Amino acid sequence: MFNTIFDGRVVAKLPFEPFGIVQSVSHRNLMGKDITDCSFLFLYILCTMSIRENVQKLLGFGPSRTASKMGGGMFGPRPFHKVIS
């Protein structure tokens, strides 16, 4: 849905010149030669990767992926290890 609305439109201006594959994603479907122009897809990817998870952690909607994988982290209960003698 958003792809059709923002297709071919510059939605942001990057403060840096992207490199390699990042450049092809950030300038996807945009006309012009200015590689600091940013497409909706690239902005959406950045927001999803950085802002969304941090807001969820801040508001307490969900644990971070790292904490989920660690099973409680360093502040959780220690796993029980049976000592065989």
N, C-alpha and C. Protein backbone atom coordinates (compact mmCIF):
# COMPACT_ATOMS: atom_id res chain seq x y z
N MET A 1 0.82 -1.19 0.00
CA MET A 1 0.00 0.00 0.00
C MET A 1 0.86 1.26 0.00
N PHE A 2 1.78 1.35 0.96
CA PHE A 2 2.63 2.54 1.03
C PHE A 2 3.55 2.64 -0.18
N ASN A 3 3.94 1.49 -0.72
CA ASN A 3 4.83 1.50 -1.86
C ASN A 3 4.20 2.22 -3.05
N THR A 4 2.92 2.04 -3.26
CA THR A 4 2.26 2.71 -4.38
C THR A 4 2.06 4.20 -4.10
N ILE A 5 1.87 4.56 -2.85
CA ILE A 5 1.68 5.98 -2.50
C ILE A 5 2.99 6.76 -2.64
N PHE A 6 4.08 6.19 -2.17
CA PHE A 6 5.36 6.89 -2.14
C PHE A 6 6.31 6.49 -3.27
N ASP A 7 5.84 5.71 -4.23
CA ASP A 7 6.70 5.25 -5.30
C ASP A 7 7.22 6.42 -6.14
N GLY A 8 8.52 6.56 -6.22
CA GLY A 8 9.14 7.62 -7.02
C GLY A 8 9.22 8.97 -6.32
N ARG A 9 8.87 9.04 -5.06
CA ARG A 9 8.91 10.31 -4.31
C ARG A 9 10.06 10.30 -3.31
N VAL A 10 10.71 11.43 -3.20
CA VAL A 10 11.77 11.59 -2.21
C VAL A 10 11.10 11.89 -0.87
N VAL A 11 11.34 11.06 0.12
CA VAL A 11 10.71 11.25 1.43
C VAL A 11 11.67 11.79 2.48
N ALA A 12 12.97 11.74 2.20
CA ALA A 12 13.96 12.25 3.14
C ALA A 12 15.26 12.56 2.40
N LYS A 13 16.10 13.31 3.05
CA LYS A 13 17.43 13.64 2.52
C LYS A 13 18.45 13.10 3.51
N LEU A 14 19.30 12.21 3.04
CA LEU A 14 20.29 11.59 3.91
C LEU A 14 21.45 12.55 4.19
N PRO A 15 21.97 12.58 5.40
CA PRO A 15 23.11 13.45 5.73
C PRO A 15 24.45 12.84 5.33
N PHE A 16 24.42 11.73 4.60
CA PHE A 16 25.64 11.05 4.17
C PHE A 16 25.39 10.45 2.79
N GLU A 17 26.46 10.06 2.14
CA GLU A 17 26.35 9.38 0.85
C GLU A 17 26.45 7.88 1.11
N PRO A 18 25.36 7.16 0.87
CA PRO A 18 25.39 5.71 1.13
C PRO A 18 26.34 4.98 0.18
N PHE A 19 26.76 3.81 0.58
CA PHE A 19 27.71 3.03 -0.20
C PHE A 19 27.06 1.76 -0.74
N GLY A 20 27.58 1.24 -1.81
CA GLY A 20 27.23 -0.06 -2.38
C GLY A 20 25.76 -0.41 -2.42
N ILE A 21 25.45 -1.54 -1.78
CA ILE A 21 24.07 -2.04 -1.80
C ILE A 21 23.13 -1.11 -1.05
N VAL A 22 23.62 -0.42 -0.05
CA VAL A 22 22.80 0.54 0.69
C VAL A 22 22.35 1.66 -0.24
N GLN A 23 23.22 2.06 -1.14
CA GLN A 23 22.88 3.12 -2.09
C GLN A 23 21.76 2.67 -3.02
N SER A 24 21.81 1.43 -3.46
CA SER A 24 20.76 0.96 -4.37
C SER A 24 19.41 0.84 -3.67
N VAL A 25 19.39 0.52 -2.39
CA VAL A 25 18.13 0.45 -1.64
C VAL A 25 17.64 1.85 -1.28
N SER A 26 18.54 2.73 -0.90
CA SER A 26 18.12 4.07 -0.47
C SER A 26 17.63 4.93 -1.63
N HIS A 27 18.08 4.64 -2.84
CA HIS A 27 17.70 5.45 -4.00
C HIS A 27 16.78 4.66 -4.94
N ARG A 28 16.17 3.61 -4.44
CA ARG A 28 15.33 2.74 -5.27
C ARG A 28 14.10 3.47 -5.80
N ASN A 29 13.86 3.35 -7.09
CA ASN A 29 12.70 3.94 -7.79
C ASN A 29 12.67 5.47 -7.77
N LEU A 30 13.78 6.11 -7.51
CA LEU A 30 13.82 7.58 -7.52
C LEU A 30 14.51 8.05 -8.79
N MET A 31 13.97 9.09 -9.36
CA MET A 31 14.58 9.70 -10.54
C MET A 31 15.61 10.73 -10.05
N GLY A 32 16.59 11.00 -10.84
CA GLY A 32 17.60 12.00 -10.47
C GLY A 32 18.91 11.36 -10.10
N LYS A 33 19.91 12.21 -9.98
CA LYS A 33 21.28 11.75 -9.72
C LYS A 33 21.74 11.96 -8.28
N ASP A 34 20.95 12.66 -7.47
CA ASP A 34 21.35 12.95 -6.09
C ASP A 34 21.19 11.69 -5.24
N ILE A 35 22.32 11.07 -4.86
CA ILE A 35 22.25 9.82 -4.11
C ILE A 35 21.92 10.03 -2.64
N THR A 36 21.84 11.26 -2.19
CA THR A 36 21.43 11.51 -0.81
C THR A 36 19.92 11.56 -0.68
N ASP A 37 19.18 11.48 -1.79
CA ASP A 37 17.72 11.37 -1.73
C ASP A 37 17.37 10.00 -1.19
N CYS A 38 16.34 9.93 -0.39
CA CYS A 38 15.97 8.69 0.28
C CYS A 38 14.57 8.26 -0.13
N SER A 39 14.44 7.00 -0.48
CA SER A 39 13.13 6.44 -0.84
C SER A 39 12.39 5.99 0.42
N PHE A 40 11.10 5.76 0.25
CA PHE A 40 10.28 5.32 1.38
C PHE A 40 10.73 3.96 1.91
N LEU A 41 11.09 3.07 1.01
CA LEU A 41 11.52 1.73 1.43
C LEU A 41 12.70 1.78 2.39
N PHE A 42 13.70 2.58 2.06
CA PHE A 42 14.88 2.68 2.92
C PHE A 42 14.53 3.30 4.27
N LEU A 43 13.72 4.33 4.27
CA LEU A 43 13.30 4.96 5.52
C LEU A 43 12.49 3.99 6.37
N TYR A 44 11.63 3.23 5.74
CA TYR A 44 10.83 2.24 6.45
C TYR A 44 11.72 1.17 7.09
N ILE A 45 12.72 0.70 6.35
CA ILE A 45 13.64 -0.30 6.87
C ILE A 45 14.41 0.25 8.07
N LEU A 46 14.90 1.48 7.96
CA LEU A 46 15.63 2.08 9.08
C LEU A 46 14.76 2.21 10.32
N CYS A 47 13.55 2.69 10.13
CA CYS A 47 12.64 2.86 11.26
C CYS A 47 12.28 1.53 11.90
N THR A 48 12.02 0.55 11.08
CA THR A 48 11.65 -0.75 11.61
C THR A 48 12.79 -1.37 12.40
N MET A 49 14.00 -1.23 11.89
CA MET A 49 15.14 -1.84 12.55
C MET A 49 15.56 -1.13 13.82
N SER A 50 15.43 0.18 13.86
CA SER A 50 15.98 0.91 15.00
C SER A 50 14.94 1.45 15.96
N ILE A 51 14.00 2.16 15.47
CA ILE A 51 13.07 2.88 16.34
C ILE A 51 12.02 1.96 16.95
N ARG A 52 11.44 1.08 16.17
CA ARG A 52 10.32 0.26 16.62
C ARG A 52 10.66 -0.59 17.84
N GLU A 53 11.77 -1.30 17.78
CA GLU A 53 12.12 -2.17 18.89
C GLU A 53 12.46 -1.37 20.15
N ASN A 54 13.14 -0.25 19.98
CA ASN A 54 13.48 0.56 21.15
C ASN A 54 12.24 1.15 21.80
N VAL A 55 11.26 1.57 21.01
CA VAL A 55 10.02 2.09 21.57
C VAL A 55 9.26 0.99 22.30
N GLN A 56 9.25 -0.21 21.74
CA GLN A 56 8.59 -1.32 22.41
C GLN A 56 9.24 -1.64 23.75
N LYS A 57 10.56 -1.63 23.78
CA LYS A 57 11.25 -1.88 25.05
C LYS A 57 10.97 -0.77 26.04
N LEU A 58 10.96 0.48 25.57
CA LEU A 58 10.72 1.62 26.44
C LEU A 58 9.32 1.58 27.04
N LEU A 59 8.33 1.24 26.24
CA LEU A 59 6.95 1.19 26.71
C LEU A 59 6.58 -0.12 27.38
N GLY A 60 7.47 -1.09 27.33
CA GLY A 60 7.25 -2.36 27.99
C GLY A 60 6.34 -3.31 27.24
N PHE A 61 6.22 -3.17 25.94
CA PHE A 61 5.36 -4.04 25.16
C PHE A 61 5.99 -5.39 24.86
N GLY A 62 7.26 -5.48 24.89
CA GLY A 62 7.90 -6.76 24.58
C GLY A 62 9.36 -6.73 24.94
N PRO A 63 9.91 -7.90 25.26
CA PRO A 63 11.34 -7.96 25.56
C PRO A 63 12.16 -7.84 24.29
N SER A 64 13.39 -7.47 24.46
CA SER A 64 14.29 -7.41 23.32
C SER A 64 14.57 -8.82 22.83
N ARG A 65 14.99 -8.94 21.58
CA ARG A 65 15.29 -10.26 21.02
C ARG A 65 16.44 -10.91 21.75
N THR A 66 17.41 -10.11 22.13
CA THR A 66 18.57 -10.66 22.84
C THR A 66 18.16 -11.25 24.17
N ALA A 67 17.32 -10.54 24.90
CA ALA A 67 16.86 -11.04 26.19
C ALA A 67 16.04 -12.30 26.02
N SER A 68 15.25 -12.36 24.96
CA SER A 68 14.45 -13.56 24.71
C SER A 68 15.34 -14.76 24.42
N LYS A 69 16.39 -14.55 23.64
CA LYS A 69 17.28 -15.64 23.29
C LYS A 69 18.08 -16.12 24.49
N MET A 70 18.45 -15.19 25.39
CA MET A 70 19.26 -15.55 26.54
C MET A 70 18.43 -16.18 27.64
N GLY A 71 17.14 -16.04 27.59
CA GLY A 71 16.29 -16.67 28.59
C GLY A 71 16.38 -15.99 29.94
N GLY A 72 16.39 -14.69 29.97
CA GLY A 72 16.42 -13.98 31.24
C GLY A 72 17.65 -13.13 31.40
N GLY A 73 18.68 -13.40 30.67
CA GLY A 73 19.87 -12.57 30.72
C GLY A 73 20.64 -12.74 32.01
N MET A 74 21.48 -11.78 32.31
CA MET A 74 22.32 -11.91 33.49
C MET A 74 21.58 -11.58 34.77
N PHE A 75 20.40 -10.96 34.67
CA PHE A 75 19.63 -10.64 35.87
C PHE A 75 18.55 -11.67 36.17
N GLY A 76 18.39 -12.63 35.28
CA GLY A 76 17.40 -13.69 35.47
C GLY A 76 17.96 -14.79 36.36
N PRO A 77 17.13 -15.76 36.63
CA PRO A 77 17.61 -16.88 37.47
C PRO A 77 18.68 -17.68 36.75
N ARG A 78 19.61 -18.17 37.54
CA ARG A 78 20.70 -18.96 36.97
C ARG A 78 20.19 -20.37 36.67
N PRO A 79 20.63 -20.94 35.57
CA PRO A 79 20.21 -22.29 35.25
C PRO A 79 20.81 -23.28 36.24
N PHE A 80 20.07 -24.34 36.52
CA PHE A 80 20.52 -25.37 37.45
C PHE A 80 21.45 -26.32 36.73
N HIS A 81 22.64 -26.52 37.27
CA HIS A 81 23.61 -27.45 36.70
C HIS A 81 23.82 -28.58 37.71
N LYS A 82 23.52 -29.78 37.28
CA LYS A 82 23.70 -30.93 38.14
C LYS A 82 25.17 -31.35 38.10
N VAL A 83 25.76 -31.49 39.27
CA VAL A 83 27.16 -31.87 39.36
C VAL A 83 27.23 -33.40 39.53
N ILE A 84 27.94 -34.02 38.61
CA ILE A 84 28.09 -35.47 38.67
C ILE A 84 29.46 -35.78 39.23
N SER A 85 29.49 -36.57 40.31
CA SER A 85 30.78 -36.91 40.92
C SER A 85 31.10 -38.36 40.83
